[in-house]
């Protein structure tokens, strides 16, 4: 559970309620299952250290692999890919992380989108 005392506001949430975390400089946006998007004064690295089950798909994005609905990852000369989360949030996967993300999602049994 995370309690964020920044600006006198305390947010309490469990990692299993988090769909994804996106970064903006030294701040993060935490996307919750409820549809809320919380603005936190923490970096992605801070979240990544505390929740190692989250998957880094881009330098600006951490995802909870449990909430991946589908993905499309194309290898080759111009690798490109994305994941779609359970709340229909579409997040790009960086070309450098495609192989790692693909391996992880295939091992976890997540469905890929039809090509």
N, C-alpha and C. Protein backbone atom coordinates (compact mmCIF):
# COMPACT_ATOMS: atom_id res chain seq x y z
N UNK A 1 0.85 -1.17 0.00
CA UNK A 1 0.00 0.00 0.00
C UNK A 1 0.90 1.24 0.00
N UNK A 2 0.50 2.25 -0.75
CA UNK A 2 1.27 3.48 -0.84
C UNK A 2 0.44 4.61 -0.22
N UNK A 3 1.07 5.37 0.65
CA UNK A 3 0.44 6.58 1.19
C UNK A 3 1.30 7.74 0.73
N UNK A 4 0.73 8.65 -0.03
CA UNK A 4 1.48 9.78 -0.55
C UNK A 4 1.07 11.04 0.20
N UNK A 5 1.96 11.56 1.05
CA UNK A 5 1.60 12.75 1.83
C UNK A 5 1.81 14.07 1.09
N UNK A 6 2.18 14.04 -0.18
CA UNK A 6 2.45 15.27 -0.93
C UNK A 6 1.26 16.20 -0.96
N UNK A 7 1.50 17.47 -0.75
CA UNK A 7 0.48 18.53 -0.81
C UNK A 7 -0.67 18.28 0.17
N UNK A 8 -0.39 17.55 1.23
CA UNK A 8 -1.42 17.32 2.23
C UNK A 8 -2.47 16.31 1.82
N UNK A 9 -2.27 15.64 0.70
CA UNK A 9 -3.23 14.65 0.21
C UNK A 9 -2.63 13.26 0.38
N UNK A 10 -3.42 12.34 0.89
CA UNK A 10 -2.95 10.97 1.05
C UNK A 10 -3.75 10.06 0.14
N UNK A 11 -3.05 9.34 -0.72
CA UNK A 11 -3.68 8.37 -1.58
C UNK A 11 -3.28 6.99 -1.09
N UNK A 12 -4.27 6.13 -0.91
CA UNK A 12 -3.98 4.77 -0.49
C UNK A 12 -4.50 3.82 -1.57
N UNK A 13 -3.58 2.99 -2.06
CA UNK A 13 -3.99 2.02 -3.05
C UNK A 13 -3.03 0.84 -3.03
N UNK A 14 -3.54 -0.30 -3.41
CA UNK A 14 -2.76 -1.54 -3.49
C UNK A 14 -2.24 -1.69 -4.91
N UNK A 15 -1.10 -2.33 -5.10
CA UNK A 15 -0.55 -2.53 -6.44
C UNK A 15 -1.48 -3.29 -7.39
N UNK A 16 -2.31 -4.19 -6.86
CA UNK A 16 -3.21 -4.94 -7.74
C UNK A 16 -4.34 -4.07 -8.30
N UNK A 17 -4.55 -2.88 -7.74
CA UNK A 17 -5.55 -1.94 -8.27
C UNK A 17 -4.96 -1.00 -9.31
N UNK A 18 -3.65 -1.09 -9.53
CA UNK A 18 -2.96 -0.22 -10.48
C UNK A 18 -2.85 -0.90 -11.82
N UNK A 19 -3.28 -0.22 -12.88
CA UNK A 19 -3.18 -0.75 -14.24
C UNK A 19 -1.83 -0.39 -14.84
N UNK A 20 -1.46 0.88 -14.74
CA UNK A 20 -0.20 1.35 -15.32
C UNK A 20 0.25 2.61 -14.60
N UNK A 21 1.53 2.92 -14.78
CA UNK A 21 2.10 4.14 -14.25
C UNK A 21 2.87 4.80 -15.38
N UNK A 22 2.53 6.04 -15.68
CA UNK A 22 3.22 6.78 -16.73
C UNK A 22 3.97 7.94 -16.11
N UNK A 23 5.10 8.30 -16.71
CA UNK A 23 5.97 9.32 -16.13
C UNK A 23 5.88 10.64 -16.87
N UNK A 24 6.13 11.69 -16.11
CA UNK A 24 6.28 13.04 -16.64
C UNK A 24 7.35 13.71 -15.80
N UNK A 25 8.59 13.68 -16.27
CA UNK A 25 9.76 14.19 -15.55
C UNK A 25 9.87 13.47 -14.20
N UNK A 26 9.85 14.19 -13.10
CA UNK A 26 9.97 13.56 -11.78
C UNK A 26 8.62 13.30 -11.13
N UNK A 27 7.57 13.29 -11.93
CA UNK A 27 6.23 12.99 -11.45
C UNK A 27 5.70 11.77 -12.18
N UNK A 28 4.69 11.16 -11.61
CA UNK A 28 4.08 9.99 -12.24
C UNK A 28 2.56 10.10 -12.18
N UNK A 29 1.92 9.51 -13.16
CA UNK A 29 0.47 9.38 -13.17
C UNK A 29 0.16 7.91 -12.94
N UNK A 30 -0.58 7.62 -11.88
CA UNK A 30 -0.95 6.25 -11.54
C UNK A 30 -2.37 6.03 -12.04
N UNK A 31 -2.55 5.08 -12.96
CA UNK A 31 -3.85 4.76 -13.54
C UNK A 31 -4.44 3.59 -12.77
N UNK A 32 -5.56 3.83 -12.10
CA UNK A 32 -6.20 2.81 -11.26
C UNK A 32 -7.34 2.11 -11.98
N UNK A 33 -7.70 0.93 -11.50
CA UNK A 33 -8.83 0.17 -12.06
C UNK A 33 -10.13 0.95 -12.00
N UNK A 34 -10.28 1.78 -11.00
CA UNK A 34 -11.52 2.55 -10.83
C UNK A 34 -11.68 3.64 -11.88
N UNK A 35 -10.62 3.88 -12.68
CA UNK A 35 -10.67 4.94 -13.67
C UNK A 35 -9.98 6.21 -13.23
N UNK A 36 -9.61 6.27 -11.96
CA UNK A 36 -8.90 7.43 -11.44
C UNK A 36 -7.49 7.49 -12.00
N UNK A 37 -6.97 8.71 -12.12
CA UNK A 37 -5.59 8.93 -12.52
C UNK A 37 -4.99 9.87 -11.49
N UNK A 38 -4.09 9.33 -10.67
CA UNK A 38 -3.49 10.10 -9.58
C UNK A 38 -2.16 10.68 -10.01
N UNK A 39 -1.92 11.94 -9.67
CA UNK A 39 -0.67 12.61 -9.96
C UNK A 39 0.20 12.49 -8.71
N UNK A 40 1.36 11.83 -8.85
CA UNK A 40 2.23 11.56 -7.71
C UNK A 40 3.59 12.22 -7.91
N UNK A 41 4.20 12.67 -6.84
CA UNK A 41 5.53 13.26 -6.92
C UNK A 41 6.58 12.19 -6.65
N UNK A 42 6.50 11.12 -7.42
CA UNK A 42 7.45 10.00 -7.35
C UNK A 42 7.88 9.65 -8.77
N UNK A 43 9.09 9.12 -8.90
CA UNK A 43 9.57 8.70 -10.22
C UNK A 43 9.17 7.26 -10.50
N UNK A 44 9.28 6.86 -11.76
CA UNK A 44 9.01 5.46 -12.11
C UNK A 44 9.97 4.51 -11.41
N UNK A 45 11.21 4.94 -11.25
CA UNK A 45 12.20 4.12 -10.57
C UNK A 45 11.78 3.80 -9.14
N UNK A 46 11.17 4.78 -8.48
CA UNK A 46 10.69 4.57 -7.13
C UNK A 46 9.63 3.47 -7.09
N UNK A 47 8.67 3.53 -8.03
CA UNK A 47 7.63 2.49 -8.11
C UNK A 47 8.23 1.15 -8.52
N UNK A 48 9.17 1.18 -9.45
CA UNK A 48 9.78 -0.04 -9.96
C UNK A 48 10.53 -0.79 -8.85
N UNK A 49 11.17 -0.10 -7.94
CA UNK A 49 11.87 -0.74 -6.83
C UNK A 49 10.90 -1.37 -5.84
N UNK A 50 9.77 -0.75 -5.62
CA UNK A 50 8.82 -1.25 -4.64
C UNK A 50 7.90 -2.34 -5.19
N UNK A 51 7.62 -2.29 -6.48
CA UNK A 51 6.73 -3.27 -7.11
C UNK A 51 7.45 -3.95 -8.27
N UNK A 52 8.35 -4.89 -7.99
CA UNK A 52 9.14 -5.51 -9.05
C UNK A 52 8.33 -6.36 -10.03
N UNK A 53 7.09 -6.67 -9.71
CA UNK A 53 6.27 -7.45 -10.65
C UNK A 53 5.78 -6.59 -11.81
N UNK A 54 5.87 -5.27 -11.67
CA UNK A 54 5.48 -4.40 -12.77
C UNK A 54 6.53 -4.48 -13.87
N UNK A 55 6.09 -4.32 -15.10
CA UNK A 55 6.95 -4.49 -16.27
C UNK A 55 7.23 -3.15 -16.91
N UNK A 56 8.51 -2.85 -17.12
CA UNK A 56 8.91 -1.59 -17.76
C UNK A 56 8.84 -1.79 -19.27
N UNK A 57 7.91 -1.11 -19.93
CA UNK A 57 7.75 -1.29 -21.38
C UNK A 57 8.32 -0.11 -22.16
N UNK A 58 8.61 0.96 -21.45
CA UNK A 58 9.12 2.18 -22.09
C UNK A 58 9.79 2.99 -20.98
N UNK A 59 10.66 3.91 -21.35
CA UNK A 59 11.30 4.69 -20.29
C UNK A 59 10.31 5.55 -19.53
N UNK A 60 9.11 5.72 -20.09
CA UNK A 60 8.08 6.52 -19.44
C UNK A 60 6.91 5.68 -18.92
N UNK A 61 7.01 4.34 -18.98
CA UNK A 61 5.83 3.54 -18.66
C UNK A 61 6.16 2.25 -17.93
N UNK A 62 5.42 2.00 -16.85
CA UNK A 62 5.40 0.73 -16.14
C UNK A 62 3.98 0.19 -16.24
N UNK A 63 3.85 -1.12 -16.44
CA UNK A 63 2.51 -1.71 -16.47
C UNK A 63 2.40 -2.85 -15.48
N UNK A 64 1.19 -3.12 -15.07
CA UNK A 64 0.89 -4.30 -14.28
C UNK A 64 0.49 -5.38 -15.28
N UNK A 65 1.33 -6.39 -15.50
CA UNK A 65 1.06 -7.38 -16.55
C UNK A 65 -0.25 -8.13 -16.36
N UNK A 66 -0.76 -8.16 -15.16
CA UNK A 66 -2.04 -8.83 -14.90
C UNK A 66 -3.17 -8.16 -15.66
N UNK A 67 -3.04 -6.86 -15.92
CA UNK A 67 -4.11 -6.09 -16.55
C UNK A 67 -3.91 -5.85 -18.05
N UNK A 68 -3.02 -6.62 -18.68
CA UNK A 68 -2.84 -6.52 -20.13
C UNK A 68 -3.95 -7.33 -20.79
N UNK A 69 -4.73 -6.67 -21.65
CA UNK A 69 -5.81 -7.35 -22.36
C UNK A 69 -5.29 -7.98 -23.64
N UNK A 70 -4.51 -7.22 -24.41
CA UNK A 70 -3.91 -7.74 -25.64
C UNK A 70 -2.69 -6.92 -25.99
N UNK A 71 -1.90 -7.46 -26.90
CA UNK A 71 -0.71 -6.74 -27.31
C UNK A 71 -0.37 -7.07 -28.76
N UNK A 72 0.42 -6.21 -29.36
CA UNK A 72 0.93 -6.41 -30.71
C UNK A 72 2.38 -5.96 -30.70
N UNK A 73 3.28 -6.91 -30.92
CA UNK A 73 4.71 -6.62 -30.90
C UNK A 73 5.33 -7.19 -32.16
N UNK A 74 5.79 -6.33 -33.03
CA UNK A 74 6.36 -6.74 -34.31
C UNK A 74 7.87 -6.57 -34.27
N UNK A 75 8.57 -7.67 -34.53
CA UNK A 75 10.02 -7.65 -34.59
C UNK A 75 10.42 -7.41 -36.04
N UNK A 76 11.69 -7.27 -36.27
CA UNK A 76 12.16 -7.09 -37.63
C UNK A 76 13.02 -5.85 -37.76
N UNK A 77 13.11 -5.36 -38.99
CA UNK A 77 13.97 -4.22 -39.25
C UNK A 77 13.51 -2.96 -38.51
N UNK A 78 12.20 -2.77 -38.44
CA UNK A 78 11.63 -1.62 -37.73
C UNK A 78 10.68 -2.15 -36.65
N UNK A 79 11.24 -2.55 -35.50
CA UNK A 79 10.37 -3.10 -34.46
C UNK A 79 9.41 -2.04 -33.92
N UNK A 80 8.20 -2.47 -33.63
CA UNK A 80 7.21 -1.57 -33.05
C UNK A 80 6.18 -2.40 -32.30
N UNK A 81 5.56 -1.79 -31.32
CA UNK A 81 4.57 -2.55 -30.58
C UNK A 81 3.81 -1.69 -29.59
N UNK A 82 2.74 -2.29 -29.08
CA UNK A 82 1.91 -1.64 -28.08
C UNK A 82 1.20 -2.69 -27.26
N UNK A 83 0.70 -2.28 -26.10
CA UNK A 83 -0.15 -3.12 -25.27
C UNK A 83 -1.45 -2.37 -25.04
N UNK A 84 -2.53 -3.11 -24.90
CA UNK A 84 -3.82 -2.52 -24.56
C UNK A 84 -4.22 -3.10 -23.21
N UNK A 85 -4.46 -2.20 -22.28
CA UNK A 85 -4.78 -2.60 -20.92
C UNK A 85 -6.29 -2.86 -20.77
N UNK A 86 -6.71 -3.37 -19.63
CA UNK A 86 -8.11 -3.72 -19.42
C UNK A 86 -9.04 -2.52 -19.46
N UNK A 87 -8.51 -1.32 -19.25
CA UNK A 87 -9.34 -0.11 -19.32
C UNK A 87 -9.25 0.56 -20.70
N UNK A 88 -8.77 -0.19 -21.71
CA UNK A 88 -8.60 0.27 -23.10
C UNK A 88 -7.51 1.32 -23.25
N UNK A 89 -6.63 1.46 -22.28
CA UNK A 89 -5.49 2.36 -22.38
C UNK A 89 -4.46 1.70 -23.29
N UNK A 90 -4.08 2.39 -24.36
CA UNK A 90 -3.10 1.87 -25.31
C UNK A 90 -1.75 2.52 -25.01
N UNK A 91 -0.75 1.67 -24.75
CA UNK A 91 0.58 2.15 -24.38
C UNK A 91 1.62 1.58 -25.33
N UNK A 92 2.49 2.45 -25.83
CA UNK A 92 3.54 2.01 -26.74
C UNK A 92 4.65 1.29 -25.99
N UNK A 93 5.24 0.31 -26.67
CA UNK A 93 6.39 -0.41 -26.15
C UNK A 93 7.61 0.09 -26.93
N UNK A 94 8.66 0.46 -26.22
CA UNK A 94 9.85 0.96 -26.91
C UNK A 94 10.51 -0.17 -27.70
N UNK A 95 11.17 0.18 -28.76
CA UNK A 95 11.78 -0.83 -29.63
C UNK A 95 12.83 -1.64 -28.88
N UNK A 96 13.48 -1.04 -27.91
CA UNK A 96 14.50 -1.75 -27.14
C UNK A 96 13.92 -2.73 -26.14
N UNK A 97 12.68 -2.56 -25.78
CA UNK A 97 12.05 -3.44 -24.79
C UNK A 97 11.13 -4.49 -25.41
N UNK A 98 10.95 -4.46 -26.72
CA UNK A 98 9.98 -5.36 -27.35
C UNK A 98 10.29 -6.83 -27.08
N UNK A 99 11.53 -7.23 -27.22
CA UNK A 99 11.89 -8.64 -27.03
C UNK A 99 11.59 -9.10 -25.60
N UNK A 100 11.99 -8.30 -24.62
CA UNK A 100 11.75 -8.63 -23.22
C UNK A 100 10.25 -8.69 -22.91
N UNK A 101 9.50 -7.71 -23.40
CA UNK A 101 8.06 -7.65 -23.14
C UNK A 101 7.36 -8.84 -23.80
N UNK A 102 7.73 -9.13 -25.03
CA UNK A 102 7.12 -10.26 -25.75
C UNK A 102 7.37 -11.57 -25.00
N UNK A 103 8.60 -11.81 -24.59
CA UNK A 103 8.94 -13.03 -23.85
C UNK A 103 8.11 -13.14 -22.58
N UNK A 104 8.03 -12.06 -21.82
CA UNK A 104 7.29 -12.07 -20.57
C UNK A 104 5.80 -12.34 -20.80
N UNK A 105 5.20 -11.65 -21.76
CA UNK A 105 3.76 -11.79 -21.99
C UNK A 105 3.44 -13.16 -22.58
N UNK A 106 4.29 -13.70 -23.43
CA UNK A 106 4.05 -15.05 -23.96
C UNK A 106 4.13 -16.09 -22.87
N UNK A 107 5.07 -15.94 -21.96
CA UNK A 107 5.20 -16.90 -20.85
C UNK A 107 4.03 -16.80 -19.89
N UNK A 108 3.46 -15.61 -19.75
CA UNK A 108 2.33 -15.45 -18.84
C UNK A 108 1.00 -15.85 -19.47
N UNK A 109 1.01 -16.10 -20.79
CA UNK A 109 -0.20 -16.56 -21.45
C UNK A 109 -1.16 -15.47 -21.86
N UNK A 110 -0.71 -14.23 -21.95
CA UNK A 110 -1.56 -13.13 -22.39
C UNK A 110 -1.80 -13.22 -23.88
N UNK A 111 -3.01 -12.91 -24.32
CA UNK A 111 -3.35 -12.99 -25.74
C UNK A 111 -2.74 -11.86 -26.53
N UNK A 112 -2.20 -12.20 -27.70
CA UNK A 112 -1.75 -11.16 -28.60
C UNK A 112 -2.87 -10.84 -29.58
N UNK A 113 -2.84 -9.66 -30.15
CA UNK A 113 -3.87 -9.30 -31.10
C UNK A 113 -3.59 -9.98 -32.43
N UNK A 114 -4.63 -10.25 -33.22
CA UNK A 114 -4.41 -10.87 -34.52
C UNK A 114 -3.64 -9.95 -35.44
N UNK A 115 -2.69 -10.51 -36.18
CA UNK A 115 -1.87 -9.70 -37.09
C UNK A 115 -2.46 -9.64 -38.46
